Amino acid sequence: MNLKEQWKLKAQASLLEPPKEEYLDYALSEAEEIAKGKVVPLFALLDIALVRLKLLLKIELNGEDELLYKQALGVIKDAPSEGSERKSNYKSQIRRSEFDL
């Protein structure tokens, strides 16, 4: 299933009335613009697109929408750039024991 199909299913499941195709395309393009140049997980991209769609349709956001949007923006901010050697957001470190001298 490609990105547009997954986006359409998420939007239809989240809204009472199915939105027009042009609104779906516009909200997804806004989300892709926000994530431009980053390797972003699919869930973050779709969460941002959903919030952008609700704003476009003048649907009032609830607290959960705002929380998802902030978390998705944080994921995008921390995501590695395209072509970067870093493959994930996990930063490994060597832990020291208090018993090490």
Protein backbone atom coordinates (compact mmCIF):
# COMPACT_ATOMS: atom_id res chain seq x y z
CA MET A 1 0.00 0.00 0.00
CA ASN A 2 1.50 3.33 -0.99
CA LEU A 3 1.60 6.55 1.00
CA LYS A 4 -1.48 8.12 -0.61
CA GLU A 5 -3.62 5.06 0.03
CA GLN A 6 -2.54 4.88 3.67
CA TRP A 7 -3.17 8.61 4.07
CA LYS A 8 -6.65 8.33 2.56
CA LEU A 9 -7.57 5.45 4.89
CA LYS A 10 -6.33 7.34 7.97
CA ALA A 11 -8.22 10.50 6.98
CA GLN A 12 -11.45 8.60 6.31
CA ALA A 13 -11.17 6.75 9.61
CA SER A 14 -10.54 9.97 11.56
CA LEU A 15 -13.26 12.16 10.06
CA LEU A 16 -17.03 11.75 9.94
CA GLU A 17 -17.35 12.75 6.29
CA PRO A 18 -14.79 11.74 3.67
CA PRO A 19 -12.90 14.85 2.54
CA LYS A 20 -12.41 15.86 -1.07
CA GLU A 21 -9.37 14.49 -2.86
CA GLU A 22 -7.90 17.97 -3.36
CA TYR A 23 -7.96 18.60 0.40
CA LEU A 24 -6.24 15.29 1.05
CA ASP A 25 -3.54 16.07 -1.49
CA TYR A 26 -2.99 19.57 -0.12
CA ALA A 27 -2.69 18.43 3.51
CA LEU A 28 -0.27 15.64 2.57
CA SER A 29 1.85 18.02 0.51
CA GLU A 30 2.03 20.41 3.50
CA ALA A 31 3.18 17.57 5.74
CA GLU A 32 5.80 16.52 3.19
CA GLU A 33 7.00 20.11 2.99
CA ILE A 34 7.42 20.24 6.78
CA ALA A 35 9.42 16.98 6.66
CA LYS A 36 11.42 17.97 3.58
CA GLY A 37 14.99 16.71 3.65
CA LYS A 38 14.44 14.38 6.62
CA VAL A 39 13.97 10.63 6.93
CA VAL A 40 10.67 10.66 8.81
CA PRO A 41 8.64 7.70 10.12
CA LEU A 42 5.29 7.25 8.40
CA PHE A 43 3.24 7.78 11.55
CA ALA A 44 4.70 11.25 12.09
CA LEU A 45 4.03 12.31 8.51
CA LEU A 46 0.43 11.08 8.66
CA ASP A 47 -0.22 12.71 12.04
CA ILE A 48 0.95 16.07 10.73
CA ALA A 49 -1.10 15.65 7.56
CA LEU A 50 -4.21 14.86 9.62
CA VAL A 51 -3.85 17.98 11.75
CA ARG A 52 -3.20 20.09 8.64
CA LEU A 53 -6.34 18.58 7.05
CA LYS A 54 -8.46 19.39 10.11
CA LEU A 55 -7.19 22.97 10.06
CA LEU A 56 -7.94 23.19 6.35
CA LEU A 57 -11.48 21.92 6.91
CA LYS A 58 -11.90 24.28 9.90
CA ILE A 59 -12.43 21.40 12.32
CA GLU A 60 -11.59 22.37 15.89
CA LEU A 61 -8.57 20.53 17.24
CA ASN A 62 -8.87 18.70 20.52
CA GLY A 63 -6.10 18.14 23.05
CA GLU A 64 -5.18 14.79 21.55
CA ASP A 65 -4.70 16.35 18.10
CA GLU A 66 -2.45 19.03 19.52
CA LEU A 67 -0.41 16.47 21.44
CA LEU A 68 0.02 14.25 18.36
CA TYR A 69 1.05 17.28 16.31
CA LYS A 70 3.68 18.37 18.85
CA GLN A 71 5.05 14.86 19.15
CA ALA A 72 5.22 14.44 15.37
CA LEU A 73 7.04 17.76 15.02
CA GLY A 74 9.51 16.59 17.65
CA VAL A 75 10.09 13.35 15.75
CA ILE A 76 10.71 15.31 12.55
CA LYS A 77 13.06 17.69 14.31
CA ASP A 78 15.12 14.78 15.65
CA ALA A 79 14.99 12.74 12.43
CA PRO A 80 18.20 12.29 10.48
CA SER A 81 18.66 14.19 7.25
CA GLU A 82 18.41 12.36 3.94
CA GLY A 83 21.80 11.01 2.96
CA SER A 84 23.05 11.19 6.54
CA GLU A 85 25.11 8.35 7.96
CA ARG A 86 22.89 8.33 11.04
CA LYS A 87 20.12 5.81 10.49
CA SER A 88 18.01 6.33 13.61
CA ASN A 89 17.30 8.72 16.45
CA TYR A 90 18.90 6.41 19.00
CA LYS A 91 22.20 7.67 20.36
CA SER A 92 24.18 4.89 21.99
CA GLN A 93 26.62 5.59 24.76
CA ILE A 94 28.82 3.50 26.99
CA ARG A 95 27.45 3.48 30.50
CA ARG A 96 29.87 3.70 33.34
CA SER A 97 29.37 1.85 36.57
CA GLU A 98 29.82 3.58 39.88
CA PHE A 99 32.19 0.74 40.75
CA ASP A 100 34.58 1.53 37.88
CA LEU A 101 37.75 3.21 39.04
